[in-house]
Amino acid sequence: MAVASIQNQYQNYSPTQLKGQQLDQSDFLRLMTAQLSQQDPFNPVDNQQMVAQMAQFSSLAAASETNTVLKNISDQLTAQTKLLQDIKAATPAPTPASTPTT
């Protein structure tokens, strides 16, 4: 059957093979512009679908930006923790003060 041949062809496919080949915002805008310029004027793309696609891309871009910011914060906290550990290791322990006897 045709389905079996397709399954056999893609049985070793894994999404990680496309790593580094992901589309970004400029690619999306280029595709959207091409789609709009090639659409049939008597049967245009449904506006709701177009807005839904744009909203999904916007939320994806926002999530990606959030991940980048959180990664930067994590890196800064890690660096600060390391610095504080180095400072603590380099600082001599205080000696207990001797109390005068009377």
N, C-alpha and C. Protein backbone atom coordinates (compact mmCIF):
# COMPACT_ATOMS: atom_id res chain seq x y z
N MET A 1 0.83 -1.19 0.00
CA MET A 1 0.00 0.00 0.00
C MET A 1 0.87 1.25 0.00
N ALA A 2 0.28 2.35 -0.42
CA ALA A 2 1.00 3.61 -0.48
C ALA A 2 1.35 4.12 0.92
N VAL A 3 0.47 3.90 1.88
CA VAL A 3 0.73 4.35 3.24
C VAL A 3 1.94 3.63 3.81
N ALA A 4 2.04 2.35 3.57
CA ALA A 4 3.17 1.58 4.08
C ALA A 4 4.48 2.08 3.49
N SER A 5 4.48 2.45 2.22
CA SER A 5 5.71 2.94 1.62
C SER A 5 6.12 4.28 2.20
N ILE A 6 5.16 5.11 2.51
CA ILE A 6 5.47 6.40 3.14
C ILE A 6 5.99 6.18 4.55
N GLN A 7 5.36 5.27 5.29
CA GLN A 7 5.82 4.98 6.65
C GLN A 7 7.25 4.44 6.63
N ASN A 8 7.54 3.56 5.68
CA ASN A 8 8.90 3.02 5.58
C ASN A 8 9.90 4.11 5.23
N GLN A 9 9.49 5.03 4.39
CA GLN A 9 10.39 6.09 3.96
C GLN A 9 10.76 7.01 5.12
N TYR A 10 9.83 7.25 6.03
CA TYR A 10 10.06 8.21 7.12
C TYR A 10 10.17 7.56 8.49
N GLN A 11 10.40 6.26 8.56
CA GLN A 11 10.45 5.61 9.86
C GLN A 11 11.64 6.05 10.69
N ASN A 12 12.72 6.48 10.06
CA ASN A 12 13.91 6.92 10.79
C ASN A 12 13.95 8.43 10.99
N TYR A 13 12.88 9.11 10.64
CA TYR A 13 12.83 10.57 10.76
C TYR A 13 12.76 10.95 12.23
N SER A 14 13.53 11.95 12.60
CA SER A 14 13.39 12.53 13.94
C SER A 14 13.52 14.04 13.79
N PRO A 15 12.73 14.80 14.56
CA PRO A 15 12.75 16.25 14.43
C PRO A 15 14.11 16.87 14.70
N THR A 16 14.98 16.21 15.44
CA THR A 16 16.29 16.79 15.73
C THR A 16 17.16 16.88 14.49
N GLN A 17 16.79 16.17 13.42
CA GLN A 17 17.56 16.27 12.19
C GLN A 17 17.45 17.66 11.59
N LEU A 18 16.41 18.40 11.93
CA LEU A 18 16.21 19.74 11.38
C LEU A 18 16.80 20.83 12.27
N LYS A 19 17.52 20.44 13.28
CA LYS A 19 18.08 21.43 14.20
C LYS A 19 18.97 22.40 13.42
N GLY A 20 18.80 23.68 13.66
CA GLY A 20 19.57 24.69 12.95
C GLY A 20 18.90 25.13 11.66
N GLN A 21 17.80 24.49 11.30
CA GLN A 21 17.08 24.85 10.08
C GLN A 21 15.68 25.34 10.42
N GLN A 22 15.53 25.99 11.55
CA GLN A 22 14.22 26.46 11.98
C GLN A 22 13.92 27.81 11.35
N LEU A 23 12.64 28.03 11.11
CA LEU A 23 12.21 29.30 10.54
C LEU A 23 12.15 30.35 11.63
N ASP A 24 12.45 31.58 11.26
CA ASP A 24 12.35 32.67 12.22
C ASP A 24 11.30 33.67 11.75
N GLN A 25 11.25 34.81 12.40
CA GLN A 25 10.21 35.79 12.11
C GLN A 25 10.32 36.33 10.68
N SER A 26 11.51 36.57 10.20
CA SER A 26 11.66 37.09 8.84
C SER A 26 11.20 36.07 7.81
N ASP A 27 11.46 34.78 8.07
CA ASP A 27 10.97 33.73 7.17
C ASP A 27 9.45 33.69 7.16
N PHE A 28 8.85 33.83 8.35
CA PHE A 28 7.40 33.83 8.43
C PHE A 28 6.81 34.99 7.64
N LEU A 29 7.38 36.18 7.80
CA LEU A 29 6.87 37.34 7.08
C LEU A 29 7.05 37.19 5.57
N ARG A 30 8.16 36.60 5.15
CA ARG A 30 8.40 36.35 3.73
C ARG A 30 7.37 35.38 3.17
N LEU A 31 7.09 34.30 3.92
CA LEU A 31 6.08 33.33 3.49
C LEU A 31 4.68 33.94 3.46
N MET A 32 4.36 34.75 4.47
CA MET A 32 3.05 35.38 4.51
C MET A 32 2.88 36.34 3.32
N THR A 33 3.92 37.11 3.01
CA THR A 33 3.86 38.04 1.88
C THR A 33 3.70 37.27 0.56
N ALA A 34 4.43 36.19 0.41
CA ALA A 34 4.30 35.37 -0.80
C ALA A 34 2.90 34.78 -0.90
N GLN A 35 2.37 34.33 0.21
CA GLN A 35 1.02 33.76 0.22
C GLN A 35 0.00 34.81 -0.19
N LEU A 36 0.12 36.00 0.35
CA LEU A 36 -0.84 37.07 0.02
C LEU A 36 -0.71 37.50 -1.44
N SER A 37 0.51 37.53 -1.96
CA SER A 37 0.68 37.97 -3.35
C SER A 37 0.23 36.91 -4.35
N GLN A 38 0.20 35.64 -3.94
CA GLN A 38 -0.17 34.56 -4.85
C GLN A 38 -1.61 34.09 -4.69
N GLN A 39 -2.34 34.64 -3.74
CA GLN A 39 -3.69 34.13 -3.52
C GLN A 39 -4.65 34.60 -4.61
N ASP A 40 -5.69 33.83 -4.78
CA ASP A 40 -6.73 34.13 -5.77
C ASP A 40 -7.58 35.28 -5.24
N PRO A 41 -7.69 36.40 -5.96
CA PRO A 41 -8.47 37.53 -5.46
C PRO A 41 -9.96 37.21 -5.30
N PHE A 42 -10.43 36.19 -6.03
CA PHE A 42 -11.84 35.83 -5.92
C PHE A 42 -12.08 34.80 -4.82
N ASN A 43 -11.01 34.24 -4.26
CA ASN A 43 -11.11 33.28 -3.17
C ASN A 43 -9.96 33.52 -2.19
N PRO A 44 -10.00 34.66 -1.48
CA PRO A 44 -8.86 35.00 -0.61
C PRO A 44 -8.78 34.08 0.61
N VAL A 45 -7.63 34.13 1.26
CA VAL A 45 -7.41 33.38 2.49
C VAL A 45 -8.35 33.91 3.56
N ASP A 46 -8.86 33.01 4.37
CA ASP A 46 -9.75 33.39 5.46
C ASP A 46 -9.00 34.29 6.45
N ASN A 47 -9.56 35.44 6.73
CA ASN A 47 -8.91 36.40 7.64
C ASN A 47 -8.70 35.82 9.02
N GLN A 48 -9.65 35.03 9.50
CA GLN A 48 -9.52 34.45 10.83
C GLN A 48 -8.33 33.50 10.90
N GLN A 49 -8.11 32.73 9.85
CA GLN A 49 -6.97 31.82 9.83
C GLN A 49 -5.66 32.61 9.82
N MET A 50 -5.63 33.68 9.03
CA MET A 50 -4.41 34.49 8.95
C MET A 50 -4.11 35.14 10.30
N VAL A 51 -5.13 35.69 10.95
CA VAL A 51 -4.92 36.31 12.26
C VAL A 51 -4.51 35.27 13.29
N ALA A 52 -5.11 34.08 13.22
CA ALA A 52 -4.74 33.01 14.16
C ALA A 52 -3.29 32.61 13.98
N GLN A 53 -2.83 32.50 12.72
CA GLN A 53 -1.43 32.16 12.47
C GLN A 53 -0.50 33.24 13.00
N MET A 54 -0.86 34.49 12.78
CA MET A 54 -0.02 35.60 13.27
C MET A 54 0.01 35.61 14.79
N ALA A 55 -1.13 35.33 15.43
CA ALA A 55 -1.18 35.31 16.90
C ALA A 55 -0.32 34.17 17.44
N GLN A 56 -0.38 33.01 16.80
CA GLN A 56 0.44 31.89 17.23
C GLN A 56 1.92 32.22 17.10
N PHE A 57 2.29 32.85 16.00
CA PHE A 57 3.70 33.19 15.81
C PHE A 57 4.13 34.24 16.83
N SER A 58 3.26 35.21 17.12
CA SER A 58 3.60 36.23 18.11
C SER A 58 3.80 35.62 19.49
N SER A 59 2.93 34.69 19.86
CA SER A 59 3.08 34.06 21.18
C SER A 59 4.34 33.20 21.23
N LEU A 60 4.66 32.55 20.13
CA LEU A 60 5.89 31.77 20.06
C LEU A 60 7.11 32.67 20.18
N ALA A 61 7.08 33.81 19.51
CA ALA A 61 8.20 34.75 19.59
C ALA A 61 8.35 35.29 21.02
N ALA A 62 7.21 35.56 21.68
CA ALA A 62 7.25 36.06 23.05
C ALA A 62 7.81 34.99 23.99
N ALA A 63 7.41 33.75 23.80
CA ALA A 63 7.93 32.67 24.64
C ALA A 63 9.43 32.48 24.43
N SER A 64 9.86 32.60 23.20
CA SER A 64 11.29 32.47 22.89
C SER A 64 12.07 33.60 23.55
N GLU A 65 11.55 34.80 23.49
CA GLU A 65 12.22 35.95 24.12
C GLU A 65 12.26 35.77 25.64
N THR A 66 11.17 35.26 26.21
CA THR A 66 11.13 35.00 27.65
C THR A 66 12.19 33.98 28.04
N ASN A 67 12.32 32.93 27.24
CA ASN A 67 13.35 31.93 27.51
C ASN A 67 14.74 32.53 27.46
N THR A 68 14.99 33.41 26.51
CA THR A 68 16.30 34.06 26.40
C THR A 68 16.58 34.92 27.63
N VAL A 69 15.59 35.69 28.06
CA VAL A 69 15.76 36.55 29.23
C VAL A 69 16.00 35.72 30.48
N LEU A 70 15.21 34.65 30.65
CA LEU A 70 15.39 33.79 31.82
C LEU A 70 16.75 33.11 31.81
N LYS A 71 17.24 32.73 30.66
CA LYS A 71 18.57 32.13 30.55
C LYS A 71 19.64 33.14 30.98
N ASN A 72 19.48 34.40 30.54
CA ASN A 72 20.44 35.45 30.93
C ASN A 72 20.41 35.67 32.44
N ILE A 73 19.21 35.69 33.03
CA ILE A 73 19.09 35.88 34.48
C ILE A 73 19.74 34.71 35.21
N SER A 74 19.49 33.50 34.73
CA SER A 74 20.09 32.32 35.33
C SER A 74 21.62 32.38 35.26
N ASP A 75 22.15 32.78 34.11
CA ASP A 75 23.60 32.90 33.96
C ASP A 75 24.18 33.93 34.93
N GLN A 76 23.48 35.06 35.08
CA GLN A 76 23.95 36.10 35.99
C GLN A 76 23.92 35.62 37.44
N LEU A 77 22.84 34.92 37.82
CA LEU A 77 22.76 34.41 39.19
C LEU A 77 23.85 33.37 39.45
N THR A 78 24.12 32.54 38.47
CA THR A 78 25.19 31.55 38.62
C THR A 78 26.54 32.24 38.80
N ALA A 79 26.79 33.28 38.01
CA ALA A 79 28.05 34.02 38.13
C ALA A 79 28.16 34.71 39.48
N GLN A 80 27.06 35.29 39.95
CA GLN A 80 27.08 35.97 41.25
C GLN A 80 27.30 34.97 42.38
N THR A 81 26.67 33.81 42.29
CA THR A 81 26.85 32.78 43.31
C THR A 81 28.30 32.32 43.35
N LYS A 82 28.88 32.11 42.19
CA LYS A 82 30.29 31.71 42.11
C LYS A 82 31.20 32.79 42.71
N LEU A 83 30.90 34.05 42.39
CA LEU A 83 31.69 35.15 42.94
C LEU A 83 31.58 35.19 44.46
N LEU A 84 30.37 35.05 44.99
CA LEU A 84 30.20 35.05 46.45
C LEU A 84 30.92 33.87 47.10
N GLN A 85 30.91 32.72 46.45
CA GLN A 85 31.64 31.56 46.99
C GLN A 85 33.14 31.83 46.99
N ASP A 86 33.64 32.46 45.94
CA ASP A 86 35.07 32.79 45.87
C ASP A 86 35.45 33.80 46.94
N ILE A 87 34.59 34.80 47.14
CA ILE A 87 34.85 35.81 48.17
C ILE A 87 34.85 35.17 49.56
N LYS A 88 33.85 34.30 49.79
CA LYS A 88 33.76 33.63 51.09
C LYS A 88 34.99 32.74 51.32
N ALA A 89 35.45 32.07 50.30
CA ALA A 89 36.62 31.19 50.44
C ALA A 89 37.89 32.00 50.68
N ALA A 90 37.98 33.20 50.13
CA ALA A 90 39.18 34.02 50.27
C ALA A 90 39.19 34.83 51.57
N THR A 91 38.04 34.98 52.21
CA THR A 91 37.96 35.77 53.44
C THR A 91 38.30 34.88 54.63
N PRO A 92 39.27 35.31 55.45
CA PRO A 92 39.60 34.50 56.62
C PRO A 92 38.45 34.51 57.63
N ALA A 93 38.32 33.41 58.32
CA ALA A 93 37.27 33.29 59.32
C ALA A 93 37.59 34.23 60.48
N PRO A 94 36.56 34.89 61.02
CA PRO A 94 36.84 35.79 62.16
C PRO A 94 37.24 34.99 63.40
N THR A 95 38.20 35.55 64.11
CA THR A 95 38.62 34.88 65.36
C THR A 95 37.72 35.34 66.48
N PRO A 96 37.43 34.45 67.40
CA PRO A 96 36.56 34.87 68.51
C PRO A 96 37.28 35.89 69.39
N ALA A 97 36.55 36.90 69.77
CA ALA A 97 37.13 37.96 70.59
C ALA A 97 37.35 37.44 72.00
N SER A 98 38.49 37.79 72.52
CA SER A 98 38.76 37.35 73.90
C SER A 98 38.07 38.31 74.87
N THR A 99 37.48 37.74 75.86
CA THR A 99 36.77 38.58 76.84
C THR A 99 37.71 38.84 78.02
N PRO A 100 37.77 40.10 78.41
CA PRO A 100 38.67 40.41 79.55
C PRO A 100 38.14 39.80 80.84
N THR A 101 39.04 39.29 81.64
CA THR A 101 38.65 38.72 82.93
C THR A 101 38.95 39.77 84.01
N THR A 102 38.10 39.83 84.96
CA THR A 102 38.29 40.81 86.04
C THR A 102 38.58 40.18 87.36
